[in-house]
N, C-alpha and C. Protein backbone atom coordinates (compact mmCIF):
# COMPACT_ATOMS: atom_id res chain seq x y z
N MET A 1 0.92 -1.24 -0.18
CA MET A 1 0.01 -0.07 0.09
C MET A 1 0.93 1.09 0.30
N ILE A 2 0.36 2.23 -1.06
CA ILE A 2 1.25 3.40 -1.20
C ILE A 2 0.36 4.52 -0.18
N LEU A 3 1.44 5.26 0.50
CA LEU A 3 0.58 6.48 0.93
C LEU A 3 1.22 7.84 0.97
N VAL A 4 0.66 8.72 0.52
CA VAL A 4 1.27 9.75 0.57
C VAL A 4 0.46 10.99 0.57
N ASN A 5 0.91 12.20 1.07
CA ASN A 5 0.32 13.21 1.33
C ASN A 5 -0.03 14.32 0.49
N THR A 6 -0.06 13.86 -1.12
CA THR A 6 0.22 14.64 -2.42
C THR A 6 -1.48 13.81 -2.85
N ASP A 7 -1.95 14.65 -3.81
CA ASP A 7 -2.91 14.22 -4.57
C ASP A 7 -2.96 13.24 -5.66
N TYR A 8 -1.36 13.07 -6.27
CA TYR A 8 -0.94 12.17 -7.10
C TYR A 8 0.24 11.29 -6.91
N ILE A 9 0.29 10.42 -7.87
CA ILE A 9 1.51 9.62 -7.51
C ILE A 9 2.29 9.56 -8.96
N THR A 10 3.51 10.11 -8.85
CA THR A 10 4.00 10.51 -10.15
C THR A 10 4.30 8.90 -10.78
N GLY A 11 3.59 9.26 -12.00
CA GLY A 11 3.93 7.85 -13.07
C GLY A 11 2.12 7.19 -13.19
N LYS A 12 1.58 7.32 -12.21
CA LYS A 12 0.27 6.67 -12.13
C LYS A 12 -0.90 7.32 -12.29
N GLU A 13 -1.64 6.58 -13.00
CA GLU A 13 -2.93 7.24 -13.39
C GLU A 13 -4.07 6.75 -12.07
N LEU A 14 -4.74 7.20 -11.97
CA LEU A 14 -5.41 6.91 -10.47
C LEU A 14 -7.17 6.88 -10.86
N ASP A 15 -7.79 6.20 -10.28
CA ASP A 15 -9.39 6.01 -10.39
C ASP A 15 -9.64 6.02 -8.79
N MET A 16 -10.35 7.04 -8.36
CA MET A 16 -10.71 7.05 -6.97
C MET A 16 -11.75 6.01 -6.61
N LEU A 17 -11.77 5.75 -5.40
CA LEU A 17 -12.56 4.76 -4.77
C LEU A 17 -13.14 5.48 -3.45
N GLY A 18 -12.98 6.59 -3.17
CA GLY A 18 -13.64 6.95 -2.01
C GLY A 18 -12.56 7.44 -0.80
N LEU A 19 -13.35 8.20 0.16
CA LEU A 19 -12.75 8.64 1.51
C LEU A 19 -12.50 7.24 2.32
N VAL A 20 -11.20 7.47 3.19
CA VAL A 20 -11.18 6.06 3.95
C VAL A 20 -10.61 6.85 5.28
N LYS A 21 -10.88 6.18 6.65
CA LYS A 21 -10.45 6.90 7.25
C LYS A 21 -10.26 5.85 8.58
N GLY A 22 -9.27 6.44 9.80
CA GLY A 22 -9.24 5.68 10.73
C GLY A 22 -8.79 6.49 11.91
N SER A 23 -9.50 5.99 13.05
CA SER A 23 -9.36 6.96 14.57
C SER A 23 -9.27 6.12 15.61
N THR A 24 -8.78 6.68 16.64
CA THR A 24 -8.64 5.85 17.62
C THR A 24 -8.77 7.14 19.04
N ILE A 25 -9.20 6.65 20.31
CA ILE A 25 -9.42 7.88 21.21
C ILE A 25 -8.16 7.18 22.19
N GLN A 26 -7.28 8.12 22.61
CA GLN A 26 -6.15 7.48 23.56
C GLN A 26 -6.22 8.34 25.02
N SER A 27 -6.05 7.49 26.04
CA SER A 27 -5.83 8.11 27.40
C SER A 27 -4.54 7.45 27.97
N LYS A 28 -4.05 8.67 29.05
CA LYS A 28 -3.02 7.67 29.74
C LYS A 28 -3.35 7.62 31.02
N ASN A 29 -2.73 6.66 31.69
CA ASN A 29 -3.24 6.08 33.15
C ASN A 29 -2.78 7.14 34.14
N LEU A 30 -3.52 7.24 35.43
CA LEU A 30 -3.71 8.36 35.88
C LEU A 30 -2.02 8.53 36.59
N GLY A 31 -1.42 7.51 37.26
CA GLY A 31 -0.12 7.65 37.60
C GLY A 31 0.56 8.57 36.54
N ARG A 32 0.56 8.00 35.28
CA ARG A 32 1.51 9.03 34.56
C ARG A 32 1.07 10.38 34.13
N ASP A 33 -0.30 10.46 34.15
CA ASP A 33 -0.77 11.91 34.19
C ASP A 33 -0.56 12.92 35.17
N ILE A 34 -0.55 12.29 36.14
CA ILE A 34 0.25 12.93 37.34
C ILE A 34 1.62 13.34 37.34
N LEU A 35 2.55 12.69 36.82
CA LEU A 35 4.09 12.81 36.32
C LEU A 35 4.05 13.65 35.49
N GLN A 36 3.31 13.91 34.26
CA GLN A 36 3.47 14.83 33.23
C GLN A 36 2.85 16.10 33.89
N SER A 37 1.92 16.03 34.67
CA SER A 37 1.37 17.45 35.27
C SER A 37 2.56 18.36 35.77
N PHE A 38 3.41 17.41 36.62
CA PHE A 38 4.63 18.19 36.98
C PHE A 38 5.49 18.58 36.32
N LYS A 39 5.78 18.18 35.27
CA LYS A 39 6.31 18.42 34.23
C LYS A 39 5.88 19.68 33.30
N THR A 40 4.66 19.94 33.39
CA THR A 40 4.55 21.36 32.67
C THR A 40 4.75 22.56 33.79
N LEU A 41 5.23 22.07 34.97
CA LEU A 41 5.54 23.29 36.02
C LEU A 41 7.00 23.64 35.75
N ILE A 42 7.96 22.86 35.00
CA ILE A 42 9.22 23.23 34.76
C ILE A 42 9.67 23.88 33.20
N GLY A 43 8.70 22.65 32.58
CA GLY A 43 8.62 23.17 30.98
C GLY A 43 9.44 21.76 30.55
N GLY A 44 9.03 21.49 28.86
CA GLY A 44 10.01 20.52 28.43
C GLY A 44 9.00 19.84 27.59
N GLU A 45 9.49 18.75 27.00
CA GLU A 45 8.60 17.61 26.15
C GLU A 45 8.13 16.96 27.16
N LEU A 46 7.06 16.66 27.05
CA LEU A 46 5.98 15.75 28.08
C LEU A 46 5.99 14.29 27.16
N GLY A 47 7.20 13.28 27.38
CA GLY A 47 7.49 12.29 27.06
C GLY A 47 6.53 11.08 26.85
N ALA A 48 5.60 10.85 27.60
CA ALA A 48 4.59 10.10 27.69
C ALA A 48 3.41 10.39 26.85
N TYR A 49 3.19 11.50 26.74
CA TYR A 49 2.39 11.99 25.90
C TYR A 49 2.71 12.01 24.31
N THR A 50 3.84 12.39 24.16
CA THR A 50 4.45 12.19 22.51
C THR A 50 4.45 10.84 22.47
N ALA A 51 4.55 9.91 23.03
CA ALA A 51 4.53 8.35 22.79
C ALA A 51 3.15 8.20 22.63
N MET A 52 2.26 8.74 23.35
CA MET A 52 1.12 8.13 23.03
C MET A 52 0.20 8.65 22.05
N MET A 53 0.71 9.85 21.70
CA MET A 53 0.25 10.43 20.27
C MET A 53 0.78 9.79 19.04
N ASN A 54 1.99 9.44 18.98
CA ASN A 54 2.94 8.51 18.42
C ASN A 54 2.07 6.93 17.84
N GLU A 55 1.89 6.73 18.99
CA GLU A 55 0.79 5.41 18.98
C GLU A 55 -0.48 5.20 18.37
N ALA A 56 -1.18 6.62 18.68
CA ALA A 56 -2.23 6.85 18.18
C ALA A 56 -2.58 7.05 16.84
N ARG A 57 -1.41 7.89 16.27
CA ARG A 57 -1.21 8.18 14.90
C ARG A 57 -1.01 6.83 14.17
N ALA A 58 -0.03 5.90 14.53
CA ALA A 58 0.03 4.50 14.23
C ALA A 58 -0.97 3.81 13.87
N LEU A 59 -1.68 3.76 15.00
CA LEU A 59 -3.28 2.85 15.44
C LEU A 59 -4.15 3.23 13.90
N ALA A 60 -4.25 4.62 14.00
CA ALA A 60 -5.05 5.21 13.13
C ALA A 60 -4.69 4.98 11.75
N THR A 61 -3.59 5.21 11.31
CA THR A 61 -2.94 4.93 10.16
C THR A 61 -3.21 3.40 9.94
N LYS A 62 -3.16 2.67 10.33
CA LYS A 62 -3.12 1.30 10.40
C LYS A 62 -4.70 0.85 10.05
N ARG A 63 -5.81 1.35 10.76
CA ARG A 63 -7.21 1.13 10.76
C ARG A 63 -7.53 1.90 9.13
N MET A 64 -7.17 2.90 8.53
CA MET A 64 -7.33 3.85 7.37
C MET A 64 -6.64 2.73 6.40
N ILE A 65 -5.67 2.18 6.58
CA ILE A 65 -5.03 1.36 5.68
C ILE A 65 -5.82 0.06 5.45
N LYS A 66 -6.22 -0.18 6.35
CA LYS A 66 -7.33 -1.45 6.37
C LYS A 66 -8.84 -1.32 5.71
N GLU A 67 -9.31 -0.05 5.67
CA GLU A 67 -10.16 0.48 5.29
C GLU A 67 -10.20 0.50 3.58
N ALA A 68 -8.88 0.73 3.54
CA ALA A 68 -8.60 0.98 1.84
C ALA A 68 -8.13 -0.35 1.15
N GLU A 69 -7.91 -1.19 1.93
CA GLU A 69 -7.69 -2.49 1.36
C GLU A 69 -9.07 -3.11 1.21
N GLU A 70 -9.88 -2.92 1.98
CA GLU A 70 -11.14 -3.90 2.01
C GLU A 70 -12.01 -3.07 0.67
N LEU A 71 -11.70 -2.21 0.26
CA LEU A 71 -12.06 -1.49 -1.14
C LEU A 71 -11.23 -1.75 -2.11
N GLY A 72 -10.02 -2.64 -2.17
CA GLY A 72 -9.22 -2.88 -3.02
C GLY A 72 -8.25 -1.89 -3.69
N ALA A 73 -8.09 -1.19 -2.63
CA ALA A 73 -7.21 0.09 -3.12
C ALA A 73 -5.50 -0.27 -3.43
N ASP A 74 -5.17 0.42 -4.07
CA ASP A 74 -3.51 0.44 -4.00
C ASP A 74 -2.88 1.46 -3.49
N ALA A 75 -3.49 2.22 -3.16
CA ALA A 75 -2.70 3.65 -2.83
C ALA A 75 -4.02 4.57 -1.92
N VAL A 76 -3.07 5.35 -0.94
CA VAL A 76 -4.13 5.96 -0.28
C VAL A 76 -3.47 7.48 -0.28
N VAL A 77 -4.01 8.65 -1.31
CA VAL A 77 -3.67 9.70 -1.23
C VAL A 77 -4.37 10.75 -0.80
N ASN A 78 -3.52 12.26 -0.61
CA ASN A 78 -3.90 13.14 0.19
C ASN A 78 -3.92 13.02 1.78
N ILE A 79 -3.30 12.02 2.25
CA ILE A 79 -3.39 11.88 3.67
C ILE A 79 -3.18 12.70 4.49
N ARG A 80 -4.01 13.30 5.85
CA ARG A 80 -4.08 14.17 6.33
C ARG A 80 -4.40 13.56 7.76
N TYR A 81 -3.92 14.20 9.00
CA TYR A 81 -4.00 13.76 10.38
C TYR A 81 -4.77 15.08 11.14
N ALA A 82 -5.38 14.52 11.87
CA ALA A 82 -6.17 15.38 12.89
C ALA A 82 -6.30 14.92 14.31
N SER A 83 -6.51 15.83 15.48
CA SER A 83 -6.40 15.44 16.90
C SER A 83 -7.32 16.54 17.37
N SER A 84 -7.96 15.92 18.38
CA SER A 84 -8.93 16.75 19.24
C SER A 84 -8.93 16.15 20.52
N ALA A 85 -9.24 17.02 21.31
CA ALA A 85 -9.61 16.66 22.98
C ALA A 85 -11.30 16.17 22.96
N VAL A 86 -11.37 14.93 23.53
CA VAL A 86 -12.80 14.47 23.58
C VAL A 86 -13.38 14.50 24.93
N MET A 87 -12.55 14.44 26.07
CA MET A 87 -12.42 14.83 27.08
C MET A 87 -10.96 14.77 28.18
N GLU A 88 -11.06 15.36 29.44
CA GLU A 88 -10.02 15.71 29.88
C GLU A 88 -9.13 14.21 29.85
N ARG A 89 -7.82 14.39 29.35
CA ARG A 89 -7.02 13.18 29.62
C ARG A 89 -7.19 12.56 28.44
N ALA A 90 -8.18 12.75 27.41
CA ALA A 90 -8.23 11.89 26.20
C ALA A 90 -8.26 12.44 25.10
N ALA A 91 -7.70 12.07 23.87
CA ALA A 91 -7.70 12.94 22.80
C ALA A 91 -7.64 11.99 21.85
N GLU A 92 -8.55 11.98 20.67
CA GLU A 92 -9.25 11.40 19.57
C GLU A 92 -8.30 11.83 18.30
N VAL A 93 -7.71 10.87 17.84
CA VAL A 93 -6.69 11.01 16.39
C VAL A 93 -7.32 10.62 15.22
N ILE A 94 -7.36 11.03 14.05
CA ILE A 94 -8.24 10.60 12.85
C ILE A 94 -7.37 10.80 11.85
N ALA A 95 -6.79 9.74 10.83
CA ALA A 95 -6.20 9.53 9.85
C ALA A 95 -7.04 9.55 8.67
N TYR A 96 -6.91 10.45 7.52
CA TYR A 96 -8.30 10.17 6.71
C TYR A 96 -7.06 10.59 5.38
N GLY A 97 -7.81 9.82 4.30
CA GLY A 97 -7.31 10.27 2.77
C GLY A 97 -8.14 9.82 1.82
N THR A 98 -7.82 9.79 0.41
CA THR A 98 -8.41 9.29 -0.48
C THR A 98 -8.06 7.69 -1.13
N ALA A 99 -8.90 6.62 -1.12
CA ALA A 99 -8.54 5.76 -1.71
C ALA A 99 -8.41 5.34 -3.00
N VAL A 100 -7.29 5.08 -3.79
CA VAL A 100 -7.35 5.23 -5.13
C VAL A 100 -6.90 3.66 -5.82
N LYS A 101 -7.22 3.20 -6.96
CA LYS A 101 -6.84 2.30 -7.48
C LYS A 101 -6.08 2.39 -8.77
N PHE A 102 -4.83 1.92 -9.26
CA PHE A 102 -3.79 2.18 -10.57
C PHE A 102 -4.84 1.73 -11.51
N LYS A 103 -4.79 2.64 -12.78
CA LYS A 103 -5.20 2.39 -13.88
C LYS A 103 -4.62 1.55 -14.58
């Protein structure tokens, strides 16, 4: 499966199959949440949250790919990511793009 954030793949003619997406909602456990809140007092990267968001993006991408494969896609173009807080200490990450088949 080819994944790109452009709306084309050089040298390929594409038939659009439709929008595909994958999402997940992630939260950290209370113990790590407390430790990370102390980090906000002194500044710096919140490593546990960085790791959580990386895992969430990977899972959302995997789910998007699965949806594209179910459509018989060869690639997903114009991939985008978005995130939002759905409640305190929980965030949704969504990956979406256009599933395409090579002509």
